[in-house]
Every structure is written in C-alpha cells, then in structure tokens.
C-alpha atoms as a PDB file:
ATOM      1  CA  MET A   1       0.000   0.000   0.000  1.00  0.00           C
ATOM      2  CA  LYS A   2       3.012   2.316   0.338  1.00  0.00           C
ATOM      3  CA  LEU A   3       3.251   2.402  -3.455  1.00  0.00           C
ATOM      4  CA  LEU A   4      -0.333   3.641  -3.647  1.00  0.00           C
ATOM      5  CA  GLU A   5       0.354   6.334  -1.038  1.00  0.00           C
ATOM      6  CA  HIS A   6       3.543   7.344  -2.837  1.00  0.00           C
ATOM      7  CA  LEU A   7       1.602   7.748  -6.070  1.00  0.00           C
ATOM      8  CA  ASP A   8      -1.005   9.820  -4.206  1.00  0.00           C
ATOM      9  CA  ILE A   9      -3.704   7.172  -4.593  1.00  0.00           C
ATOM     10  CA  LYS A  10      -5.787   7.016  -1.452  1.00  0.00           C
ATOM     11  CA  THR A  11      -5.948   3.473  -0.061  1.00  0.00           C
ATOM     12  CA  THR A  12      -9.612   3.922   0.837  1.00  0.00           C
ATOM     13  CA  GLN A  13     -10.347   4.628  -2.824  1.00  0.00           C
ATOM     14  CA  TRP A  14      -8.314   1.574  -3.843  1.00  0.00           C
ATOM     15  CA  GLU A  15     -10.161  -0.680  -1.415  1.00  0.00           C
ATOM     16  CA  VAL A  16     -13.623   0.336  -2.683  1.00  0.00           C
ATOM     17  CA  ALA A  17     -12.618   0.390  -6.354  1.00  0.00           C
ATOM     18  CA  SER A  18     -14.092  -2.214  -8.651  1.00  0.00           C
ATOM     19  CA  ALA A  19     -11.892  -4.788 -10.344  1.00  0.00           C
ATOM     20  CA  TYR A  20     -12.027  -2.812 -13.593  1.00  0.00           C
ATOM     21  CA  GLU A  21     -11.061   0.440 -11.849  1.00  0.00           C
ATOM     22  CA  LYS A  22      -8.086  -1.329 -10.260  1.00  0.00           C
ATOM     23  CA  PHE A  23      -7.151  -2.774 -13.667  1.00  0.00           C
ATOM     24  CA  GLU A  24      -7.431   0.705 -15.182  1.00  0.00           C
ATOM     25  CA  GLN A  25      -5.150   2.148 -12.492  1.00  0.00           C
ATOM     26  CA  VAL A  26      -2.548  -0.589 -13.047  1.00  0.00           C
ATOM     27  CA  VAL A  27      -2.600   0.010 -16.824  1.00  0.00           C
ATOM     28  CA  VAL A  28      -2.203   3.751 -16.292  1.00  0.00           C
ATOM     29  CA  LEU A  29       0.749   3.154 -13.948  1.00  0.00           C
ATOM     30  CA  ILE A  30       2.400   0.863 -16.511  1.00  0.00           C
ATOM     31  CA  LEU A  31       1.858   3.462 -19.266  1.00  0.00           C
ATOM     32  CA  THR A  32       3.317   6.143 -17.015  1.00  0.00           C
ATOM     33  CA  GLY A  33       6.405   4.024 -16.420  1.00  0.00           C
ATOM     34  CA  LEU A  34       6.846   3.377 -20.127  1.00  0.00           C
ATOM     35  CA  ILE A  35       6.429   7.048 -20.984  1.00  0.00           C
ATOM     36  CA  ILE A  36       9.008   7.953 -18.337  1.00  0.00           C
ATOM     37  CA  VAL A  37      11.458   5.542 -19.993  1.00  0.00           C
ATOM     38  CA  VAL A  38      10.730   7.067 -23.421  1.00  0.00           C
ATOM     39  CA  ILE A  39      11.169  10.620 -22.104  1.00  0.00           C
ATOM     40  CA  ALA A  40      14.395   9.774 -20.307  1.00  0.00           C
ATOM     41  CA  THR A  41      15.755   8.088 -23.444  1.00  0.00           C
ATOM     42  CA  ALA A  42      14.727  11.025 -25.635  1.00  0.00           C
ATOM     43  CA  VAL A  43      16.374  13.532 -23.290  1.00  0.00           C
ATOM     44  CA  TRP A  44      19.517  11.394 -23.162  1.00  0.00           C
ATOM     45  CA  HIS A  45      19.722  11.205 -26.969  1.00  0.00           C
ATOM     46  CA  LEU A  46      19.010  14.926 -27.280  1.00  0.00           C
ATOM     47  CA  ALA A  47      21.769  15.764 -24.790  1.00  0.00           C
ATOM     48  CA  ILE A  48      24.238  13.444 -26.549  1.00  0.00           C
ATOM     49  CA  LYS A  49      23.468  14.913 -29.983  1.00  0.00           C
ATOM     50  CA  VAL A  50      23.700  18.505 -28.797  1.00  0.00           C
ATOM     51  CA  LEU A  51      26.800  18.076 -26.617  1.00  0.00           C
ATOM     52  CA  PHE A  52      28.760  15.891 -29.028  1.00  0.00           C
ATOM     53  CA  GLY A  53      27.574  17.975 -31.943  1.00  0.00           C
ATOM     54  CA  LEU A  54      28.954  21.110 -30.303  1.00  0.00           C
ATOM     55  CA  VAL A  55      32.227  19.506 -29.257  1.00  0.00           C
ATOM     56  CA  LEU A  56      33.103  17.107 -32.061  1.00  0.00           C
ATOM     57  CA  ALA A  57      31.530  18.540 -35.175  1.00  0.00           C
ATOM     58  CA  SER A  58      31.179  21.904 -36.760  1.00  0.00           C
ATOM     59  CA  PHE A  59      27.787  22.260 -35.150  1.00  0.00           C
ATOM     60  CA  ASP A  60      26.272  25.632 -35.973  1.00  0.00           C
ATOM     61  CA  PRO A  61      22.969  26.124 -34.130  1.00  0.00           C
ATOM     62  CA  THR A  62      22.216  29.160 -36.266  1.00  0.00           C
ATOM     63  CA  GLU A  63      21.820  26.986 -39.355  1.00  0.00           C
ATOM     64  CA  PRO A  64      18.103  26.546 -40.023  1.00  0.00           C
ATOM     65  CA  ALA A  65      18.343  22.775 -40.498  1.00  0.00           C
ATOM     66  CA  VAL A  66      20.226  22.292 -37.218  1.00  0.00           C
ATOM     67  CA  PHE A  67      17.873  24.659 -35.394  1.00  0.00           C
ATOM     68  CA  GLN A  68      14.837  22.811 -36.756  1.00  0.00           C
ATOM     69  CA  THR A  69      16.253  19.423 -35.803  1.00  0.00           C
ATOM     70  CA  ILE A  70      17.113  20.426 -32.238  1.00  0.00           C
ATOM     71  CA  PHE A  71      13.842  22.207 -31.559  1.00  0.00           C
ATOM     72  CA  GLY A  72      11.919  19.368 -33.174  1.00  0.00           C
ATOM     73  CA  MET A  73      13.534  16.975 -30.707  1.00  0.00           C
ATOM     74  CA  ILE A  74      12.824  19.348 -27.809  1.00  0.00           C
ATOM     75  CA  PHE A  75       9.174  19.608 -28.824  1.00  0.00           C
ATOM     76  CA  THR A  76       8.974  15.826 -28.982  1.00  0.00           C
ATOM     77  CA  VAL A  77      10.072  15.679 -25.346  1.00  0.00           C
ATOM     78  CA  ILE A  78       7.582  18.407 -24.399  1.00  0.00           C
ATOM     79  CA  ILE A  79       4.759  16.491 -26.094  1.00  0.00           C
ATOM     80  CA  ALA A  80       5.720  13.327 -24.215  1.00  0.00           C
ATOM     81  CA  LEU A  81       5.835  15.249 -20.923  1.00  0.00           C
ATOM     82  CA  GLU A  82       2.362  16.685 -21.515  1.00  0.00           C
ATOM     83  CA  PHE A  83       1.075  13.219 -22.364  1.00  0.00           C
ATOM     84  CA  LYS A  84       2.597  11.826 -19.153  1.00  0.00           C
ATOM     85  CA  HIS A  85       1.046  14.670 -17.174  1.00  0.00           C
ATOM     86  CA  SER A  86      -2.407  13.857 -18.526  1.00  0.00           C
ATOM     87  CA  ILE A  87      -1.969  10.216 -17.531  1.00  0.00           C
ATOM     88  CA  LEU A  88      -0.788  11.161 -14.029  1.00  0.00           C
ATOM     89  CA  ILE A  89      -3.985  13.162 -13.558  1.00  0.00           C
ATOM     90  CA  MET A  90      -5.864   9.912 -14.164  1.00  0.00           C
ATOM     91  CA  VAL A  91      -3.665   8.073 -11.641  1.00  0.00           C
ATOM     92  CA  LYS A  92      -4.442  10.632  -8.959  1.00  0.00           C
ATOM     93  CA  ARG A  93      -8.128  10.252  -9.846  1.00  0.00           C
ATOM     94  CA  GLU A  94      -8.604  13.969 -10.268  1.00  0.00           C
ATOM     95  CA  GLN A  95     -10.388  13.024 -13.454  1.00  0.00           C
ATOM     96  CA  SER A  96     -11.436   9.575 -14.546  1.00  0.00           C
ATOM     97  CA  VAL A  97     -10.672   9.966 -18.244  1.00  0.00           C
ATOM     98  CA  VAL A  98      -8.192  11.875 -20.347  1.00  0.00           C
ATOM     99  CA  GLN A  99      -9.748  15.243 -20.964  1.00  0.00           C
ATOM    100  CA  VAL A 100     -10.483  16.459 -24.484  1.00  0.00           C
ATOM    101  CA  ARG A 101      -8.657  19.679 -23.687  1.00  0.00           C
ATOM    102  CA  THR A 102      -5.440  17.759 -23.001  1.00  0.00           C
ATOM    103  CA  VAL A 103      -5.715  15.723 -26.186  1.00  0.00           C
ATOM    104  CA  VAL A 104      -6.304  18.885 -28.235  1.00  0.00           C
ATOM    105  CA  LEU A 105      -3.346  20.584 -26.543  1.00  0.00           C
ATOM    106  CA  ILE A 106      -1.085  17.647 -27.381  1.00  0.00           C
ATOM    107  CA  ALA A 107      -2.328  17.701 -30.979  1.00  0.00           C
ATOM    108  CA  MET A 108      -1.630  21.442 -31.191  1.00  0.00           C
ATOM    109  CA  LEU A 109       1.896  20.879 -29.901  1.00  0.00           C
ATOM    110  CA  ALA A 110       2.415  18.174 -32.542  1.00  0.00           C
ATOM    111  CA  VAL A 111       1.246  20.453 -35.363  1.00  0.00           C
ATOM    112  CA  ILE A 112       3.363  23.332 -34.072  1.00  0.00           C
ATOM    113  CA  ARG A 113       6.331  20.942 -33.918  1.00  0.00           C
ATOM    114  CA  LYS A 114       5.659  20.133 -37.575  1.00  0.00           C
ATOM    115  CA  PHE A 115       5.707  23.858 -38.377  1.00  0.00           C
ATOM    116  CA  ILE A 116       9.100  24.165 -36.714  1.00  0.00           C
ATOM    117  CA  ILE A 117      10.721  21.202 -38.451  1.00  0.00           C
ATOM    118  CA  ILE A 118       9.185  21.655 -41.909  1.00  0.00           C
ATOM    119  CA  ASP A 119      11.568  22.464 -44.718  1.00  0.00           C
ATOM    120  CA  ILE A 120      10.048  25.617 -46.191  1.00  0.00           C
ATOM    121  CA  SER A 121      11.829  25.183 -49.516  1.00  0.00           C
ATOM    122  CA  ALA A 122      10.310  21.720 -50.010  1.00  0.00           C
ATOM    123  CA  ALA A 123       6.870  22.460 -48.559  1.00  0.00           C
ATOM    124  CA  THR A 124       3.956  23.199 -50.838  1.00  0.00           C
ATOM    125  CA  ALA A 125       1.369  25.876 -50.313  1.00  0.00           C
ATOM    126  CA  ASN A 126      -1.242  23.166 -49.740  1.00  0.00           C
ATOM    127  CA  GLN A 127       0.835  21.617 -46.947  1.00  0.00           C
ATOM    128  CA  MET A 128       1.274  24.980 -45.234  1.00  0.00           C
ATOM    129  CA  PHE A 129      -2.421  25.774 -45.620  1.00  0.00           C
ATOM    130  CA  ALA A 130      -3.375  22.366 -44.184  1.00  0.00           C
ATOM    131  CA  LEU A 131      -1.100  22.840 -41.163  1.00  0.00           C
ATOM    132  CA  ALA A 132      -2.416  26.368 -40.591  1.00  0.00           C
ATOM    133  CA  ALA A 133      -6.004  25.160 -40.872  1.00  0.00           C
ATOM    134  CA  GLY A 134      -5.213  22.367 -38.414  1.00  0.00           C
ATOM    135  CA  VAL A 135      -3.816  24.806 -35.860  1.00  0.00           C
ATOM    136  CA  ILE A 136      -6.805  27.128 -36.250  1.00  0.00           C
ATOM    137  CA  ALA A 137      -9.286  24.263 -35.929  1.00  0.00           C
ATOM    138  CA  LEU A 138      -7.512  22.815 -32.895  1.00  0.00           C
ATOM    139  CA  GLY A 139      -7.293  26.278 -31.337  1.00  0.00           C
ATOM    140  CA  ALA A 140     -11.021  26.786 -31.845  1.00  0.00           C
ATOM    141  CA  VAL A 141     -11.828  23.397 -30.301  1.00  0.00           C
ATOM    142  CA  TYR A 142      -9.505  24.137 -27.371  1.00  0.00           C
ATOM    143  CA  TRP A 143     -11.192  27.504 -26.802  1.00  0.00           C
ATOM    144  CA  LEU A 144     -14.682  25.964 -26.963  1.00  0.00           C
ATOM    145  CA  VAL A 145     -13.797  23.157 -24.560  1.00  0.00           C
ATOM    146  CA  ARG A 146     -12.078  25.549 -22.162  1.00  0.00           C
ATOM    147  CA  ASP A 147     -15.074  27.896 -22.300  1.00  0.00           C
ATOM    148  CA  GLN A 148     -17.438  24.984 -21.612  1.00  0.00           C
ATOM    149  CA  ASP A 149     -15.265  23.840 -18.686  1.00  0.00           C
ATOM    150  CA  ARG A 150     -15.299  27.367 -17.289  1.00  0.00           C
ATOM    151  CA  LYS A 151     -19.103  27.527 -17.516  1.00  0.00           C
ATOM    152  CA  ALA A 152     -19.416  24.151 -15.788  1.00  0.00           C
ATOM    153  CA  GLU A 153     -17.060  25.318 -13.028  1.00  0.00           C
ATOM    154  CA  ILE A 154     -19.101  28.491 -12.458  1.00  0.00           C
ATOM    155  CA  ALA A 155     -22.332  26.473 -12.352  1.00  0.00           C
ATOM    156  CA  GLU A 156     -20.762  24.069  -9.814  1.00  0.00           C
ATOM    157  CA  ARG A 157     -19.667  26.961  -7.588  1.00  0.00           C
ATOM    158  CA  GLU A 158     -23.153  28.490  -7.747  1.00  0.00           C
ATOM    159  CA  ARG A 159     -24.693  25.142  -6.854  1.00  0.00           C
ATOM    160  CA  GLN A 160     -22.381  24.782  -3.853  1.00  0.00           C
ATOM    161  CA  THR A 161     -23.177  28.253  -2.508  1.00  0.00           C
ATOM    162  CA  THR A 162     -26.936  27.653  -2.579  1.00  0.00           C
END
C-alpha cells in the first residue's frame, strides 16, 4: 500500500474500487512508467546529440536545419511530458478519463512541432495551408472546450453556494 500512497492514490479509494477500476489504475501506472522511460531516453539522446555535436563537429545552431532538428527533438520531449502529465492526472483520480482539452493541446503541440521542423523550400502551399487550418481548428476546439469547462465550473460553484 506504500506504493499507492507514494503515487497519491488514497488506499480507501483503492479498497472500494471495482476490479475494472483497479485494472485501469494498473494500466495507467504501466503506461506512465513506459512514458518515463521514453522521455528519459529522448532527453539522453538529445543531450548526446547537442553536446557531441557542439564539441566534435562543426555544429552551428544558427543553421536553419540544425535549429529545426534540435527544436523538433525538444518539442517531442515536451509532447511526451504533456502526455505523461495527462496520464498522471488519471492516476491521482482527479479526473477519470483523459480530458479532451489535453488531447487537443497535445495535438496542437504536434502540429506546431511540424511547423518548426518543416523544410520551407520543399513544402507546398497546400501543406502549409493544411497545417495552418489544423492549428486554427484545434485552437477553436480548445477555446470551446475551455469555455465549456469554465461555464461548468461556475455552475458548480453556484450550486455549492446555494
């Protein structure tokens, strides 16, 4: 039970949880562990490439291709961290499912990462338009979901005060 307490899972919640809820928690913990391994590996590879690139090669971070590669790798780590954060929220049972807002945010980060790493000279106008439309659509969905969450929060506060 110390593992549950360490992960901020209340033992009383664990004891009354159904078999499926316990299974769900175990799966989420396994996914969290795997994502941590992926993030640690990605950060390790990023550090090796940047450090050895600076020391051993004629690594010029002002070159657009090098800049795009490095920031693409950094964004990949950021996306993985956000994904892990959304899973940890499920572990702590603050929310029982991954929220739409989080999924949309991760998708926006992925599209923005694509904007950063895209080779402008090889990209077509249609590709750029599609990426821009994707960001606008995801931004609109994020705004709508956030606005709906805000309205639900206000309604909950009003209900609690009465």
